[in-house]
């Protein structure tokens, strides 16, 4: 029941956090993909 109370009391803050969490995962994956050739070359993979 506490979870539903939190949803009722702070829906905007929870939506803000969820959107930023899912939005940043794409950027993080893209950034890592840019550096894969350099990382594999430096580690001799």
PDB file of N, CA and C in Angstrom:
ATOM      1  N   UNK A   1       0.812  -1.191   0.000  1.00  0.00           N
ATOM      2  CA  UNK A   1       0.000   0.000   0.000  1.00  0.00           C
ATOM      3  C   UNK A   1       0.858   1.259   0.000  1.00  0.00           C
ATOM      4  N   UNK A   2       2.063   1.191   0.525  1.00  0.00           N
ATOM      5  CA  UNK A   2       2.903   2.379   0.572  1.00  0.00           C
ATOM      6  C   UNK A   2       3.305   2.838  -0.825  1.00  0.00           C
ATOM      7  N   UNK A   3       3.461   1.891  -1.737  1.00  0.00           N
ATOM      8  CA  UNK A   3       3.837   2.247  -3.102  1.00  0.00           C
ATOM      9  C   UNK A   3       2.748   3.084  -3.764  1.00  0.00           C
ATOM     10  N   UNK A   4       1.507   2.690  -3.572  1.00  0.00           N
ATOM     11  CA  UNK A   4       0.402   3.433  -4.179  1.00  0.00           C
ATOM     12  C   UNK A   4       0.236   4.804  -3.539  1.00  0.00           C
ATOM     13  N   UNK A   5       0.557   4.904  -2.268  1.00  0.00           N
ATOM     14  CA  UNK A   5       0.537   6.202  -1.600  1.00  0.00           C
ATOM     15  C   UNK A   5       1.593   7.109  -2.204  1.00  0.00           C
ATOM     16  N   UNK A   6       2.763   6.560  -2.442  1.00  0.00           N
ATOM     17  CA  UNK A   6       3.836   7.334  -3.079  1.00  0.00           C
ATOM     18  C   UNK A   6       3.430   7.775  -4.482  1.00  0.00           C
ATOM     19  N   UNK A   7       2.789   6.891  -5.227  1.00  0.00           N
ATOM     20  CA  UNK A   7       2.322   7.252  -6.568  1.00  0.00           C
ATOM     21  C   UNK A   7       1.315   8.395  -6.534  1.00  0.00           C
ATOM     22  N   UNK A   8       0.462   8.387  -5.530  1.00  0.00           N
ATOM     23  CA  UNK A   8      -0.537   9.455  -5.416  1.00  0.00           C
ATOM     24  C   UNK A   8       0.073  10.763  -4.935  1.00  0.00           C
ATOM     25  N   UNK A   9       1.106  10.693  -4.097  1.00  0.00           N
ATOM     26  CA  UNK A   9       1.667  11.903  -3.505  1.00  0.00           C
ATOM     27  C   UNK A   9       2.692  12.583  -4.401  1.00  0.00           C
ATOM     28  N   UNK A  10       3.433  11.835  -5.198  1.00  0.00           N
ATOM     29  CA  UNK A  10       4.508  12.434  -5.993  1.00  0.00           C
ATOM     30  C   UNK A  10       4.544  11.877  -7.411  1.00  0.00           C
ATOM     31  N   UNK A  11       3.475  12.011  -8.190  1.00  0.00           N
ATOM     32  CA  UNK A  11       3.489  11.426  -9.537  1.00  0.00           C
ATOM     33  C   UNK A  11       4.433  12.152 -10.493  1.00  0.00           C
ATOM     34  N   UNK A  12       4.547  13.463 -10.363  1.00  0.00           N
ATOM     35  CA  UNK A  12       5.408  14.217 -11.283  1.00  0.00           C
ATOM     36  C   UNK A  12       6.878  13.889 -11.054  1.00  0.00           C
ATOM     37  N   UNK A  13       7.285  13.768  -9.801  1.00  0.00           N
ATOM     38  CA  UNK A  13       8.671  13.455  -9.498  1.00  0.00           C
ATOM     39  C   UNK A  13       9.034  12.045  -9.965  1.00  0.00           C
ATOM     40  N   UNK A  14       8.118  11.110  -9.791  1.00  0.00           N
ATOM     41  CA  UNK A  14       8.368   9.743 -10.244  1.00  0.00           C
ATOM     42  C   UNK A  14       8.427   9.661 -11.764  1.00  0.00           C
ATOM     43  N   UNK A  15       7.565  10.392 -12.445  1.00  0.00           N
ATOM     44  CA  UNK A  15       7.598  10.410 -13.909  1.00  0.00           C
ATOM     45  C   UNK A  15       8.888  11.045 -14.406  1.00  0.00           C
ATOM     46  N   UNK A  16       9.323  12.115 -13.742  1.00  0.00           N
ATOM     47  CA  UNK A  16      10.578  12.778 -14.106  1.00  0.00           C
ATOM     48  C   UNK A  16      11.753  11.805 -13.991  1.00  0.00           C
ATOM     49  N   UNK A  17      11.831  11.088 -12.889  1.00  0.00           N
ATOM     50  CA  UNK A  17      12.911  10.127 -12.687  1.00  0.00           C
ATOM     51  C   UNK A  17      12.869   8.981 -13.680  1.00  0.00           C
ATOM     52  N   UNK A  18      11.674   8.475 -13.965  1.00  0.00           N
ATOM     53  CA  UNK A  18      11.544   7.363 -14.903  1.00  0.00           C
ATOM     54  C   UNK A  18      11.934   7.785 -16.314  1.00  0.00           C
ATOM     55  N   UNK A  19      11.488   8.965 -16.739  1.00  0.00           N
ATOM     56  CA  UNK A  19      11.835   9.439 -18.082  1.00  0.00           C
ATOM     57  C   UNK A  19      13.334   9.665 -18.228  1.00  0.00           C
ATOM     58  N   UNK A  20      13.964  10.217 -17.214  1.00  0.00           N
ATOM     59  CA  UNK A  20      15.405  10.435 -17.290  1.00  0.00           C
ATOM     60  C   UNK A  20      16.178   9.119 -17.244  1.00  0.00           C
ATOM     61  N   UNK A  21      15.685   8.173 -16.504  1.00  0.00           N
ATOM     62  CA  UNK A  21      16.333   6.866 -16.438  1.00  0.00           C
ATOM     63  C   UNK A  21      16.301   6.164 -17.795  1.00  0.00           C
ATOM     64  N   UNK A  22      15.141   6.149 -18.436  1.00  0.00           N
ATOM     65  CA  UNK A  22      15.024   5.492 -19.732  1.00  0.00           C
ATOM     66  C   UNK A  22      15.657   6.316 -20.850  1.00  0.00           C
ATOM     67  N   UNK A  23      15.621   7.624 -20.742  1.00  0.00           N
ATOM     68  CA  UNK A  23      16.212   8.479 -21.766  1.00  0.00           C
ATOM     69  C   UNK A  23      17.729   8.447 -21.772  1.00  0.00           C
ATOM     70  N   UNK A  24      18.330   8.292 -20.612  1.00  0.00           N
ATOM     71  CA  UNK A  24      19.788   8.297 -20.552  1.00  0.00           C
ATOM     72  C   UNK A  24      20.386   6.962 -20.974  1.00  0.00           C
ATOM     73  N   UNK A  25      19.613   5.897 -20.923  1.00  0.00           N
ATOM     74  CA  UNK A  25      20.164   4.596 -21.291  1.00  0.00           C
ATOM     75  C   UNK A  25      20.527   4.545 -22.773  1.00  0.00           C
ATOM     76  N   UNK A  26      19.750   5.212 -23.629  1.00  0.00           N
ATOM     77  CA  UNK A  26      20.085   5.247 -25.053  1.00  0.00           C
ATOM     78  C   UNK A  26      21.384   6.010 -25.272  1.00  0.00           C
ATOM     79  N   UNK A  27      21.536   7.142 -24.639  1.00  0.00           N
ATOM     80  CA  UNK A  27      22.747   7.943 -24.792  1.00  0.00           C
ATOM     81  C   UNK A  27      23.977   7.228 -24.278  1.00  0.00           C
ATOM     82  N   UNK A  28      23.828   6.509 -23.180  1.00  0.00           N
ATOM     83  CA  UNK A  28      24.955   5.785 -22.611  1.00  0.00           C
ATOM     84  C   UNK A  28      25.385   4.658 -23.551  1.00  0.00           C
ATOM     85  N   UNK A  29      24.451   3.940 -24.118  1.00  0.00           N
ATOM     86  CA  UNK A  29      24.770   2.862 -25.052  1.00  0.00           C
ATOM     87  C   UNK A  29      25.457   3.415 -26.294  1.00  0.00           C
ATOM     88  N   UNK A  30      24.983   4.541 -26.794  1.00  0.00           N
ATOM     89  CA  UNK A  30      25.580   5.161 -27.969  1.00  0.00           C
ATOM     90  C   UNK A  30      27.004   5.611 -27.674  1.00  0.00           C
ATOM     91  N   UNK A  31      27.229   6.198 -26.508  1.00  0.00           N
ATOM     92  CA  UNK A  31      28.560   6.676 -26.145  1.00  0.00           C
ATOM     93  C   UNK A  31      29.544   5.517 -26.009  1.00  0.00           C
ATOM     94  N   UNK A  32      29.124   4.441 -25.398  1.00  0.00           N
ATOM     95  CA  UNK A  32      29.990   3.266 -25.264  1.00  0.00           C
ATOM     96  C   UNK A  32      30.300   2.693 -26.640  1.00  0.00           C
ATOM     97  N   UNK A  33      29.309   2.663 -27.530  1.00  0.00           N
ATOM     98  CA  UNK A  33      29.516   2.124 -28.874  1.00  0.00           C
ATOM     99  C   UNK A  33      30.532   2.945 -29.659  1.00  0.00           C
ATOM    100  N   UNK A  34      30.618   4.235 -29.388  1.00  0.00           N
ATOM    101  CA  UNK A  34      31.604   5.068 -30.072  1.00  0.00           C
ATOM    102  C   UNK A  34      33.034   4.697 -29.696  1.00  0.00           C
ATOM    103  N   UNK A  35      33.233   4.271 -28.462  1.00  0.00           N
ATOM    104  CA  UNK A  35      34.581   4.015 -27.970  1.00  0.00           C
ATOM    105  C   UNK A  35      34.985   2.545 -27.999  1.00  0.00           C
ATOM    106  N   UNK A  36      34.135   1.655 -28.493  1.00  0.00           N
ATOM    107  CA  UNK A  36      34.458   0.230 -28.540  1.00  0.00           C
ATOM    108  C   UNK A  36      35.725  -0.049 -29.346  1.00  0.00           C
ATOM    109  N   UNK A  37      35.934   0.549 -30.528  1.00  0.00           N
ATOM    110  CA  UNK A  37      37.170   0.258 -31.267  1.00  0.00           C
ATOM    111  C   UNK A  37      38.431   0.657 -30.496  1.00  0.00           C
ATOM    112  N   UNK A  38      38.382   1.776 -29.802  1.00  0.00           N
ATOM    113  CA  UNK A  38      39.551   2.226 -29.045  1.00  0.00           C
ATOM    114  C   UNK A  38      39.805   1.337 -27.831  1.00  0.00           C
ATOM    115  N   UNK A  39      38.735   0.916 -27.177  1.00  0.00           N
ATOM    116  CA  UNK A  39      38.882   0.047 -26.006  1.00  0.00           C
ATOM    117  C   UNK A  39      39.419  -1.317 -26.422  1.00  0.00           C
ATOM    118  N   UNK A  40      38.881  -1.876 -27.485  1.00  0.00           N
ATOM    119  CA  UNK A  40      39.351  -3.194 -27.924  1.00  0.00           C
ATOM    120  C   UNK A  40      40.780  -3.131 -28.449  1.00  0.00           C
ATOM    121  N   UNK A  41      41.166  -2.022 -29.068  1.00  0.00           N
ATOM    122  CA  UNK A  41      42.548  -1.890 -29.537  1.00  0.00           C
ATOM    123  C   UNK A  41      43.514  -1.757 -28.369  1.00  0.00           C
ATOM    124  N   UNK A  42      43.135  -1.007 -27.356  1.00  0.00           N
ATOM    125  CA  UNK A  42      44.040  -0.824 -26.223  1.00  0.00           C
ATOM    126  C   UNK A  42      44.160  -2.084 -25.379  1.00  0.00           C
ATOM    127  N   UNK A  43      43.144  -2.934 -25.385  1.00  0.00           N
ATOM    128  CA  UNK A  43      43.201  -4.174 -24.625  1.00  0.00           C
ATOM    129  C   UNK A  43      43.619  -5.361 -25.490  1.00  0.00           C
ATOM    130  N   UNK A  44      43.917  -5.107 -26.742  1.00  0.00           N
ATOM    131  CA  UNK A  44      44.336  -6.141 -27.695  1.00  0.00           C
ATOM    132  C   UNK A  44      43.315  -7.278 -27.765  1.00  0.00           C
ATOM    133  N   UNK A  45      42.075  -6.893 -27.977  1.00  0.00           N
ATOM    134  CA  UNK A  45      41.016  -7.911 -28.067  1.00  0.00           C
ATOM    135  C   UNK A  45      40.777  -8.312 -29.501  1.00  0.00           C
TER     136      UNK A  45
END
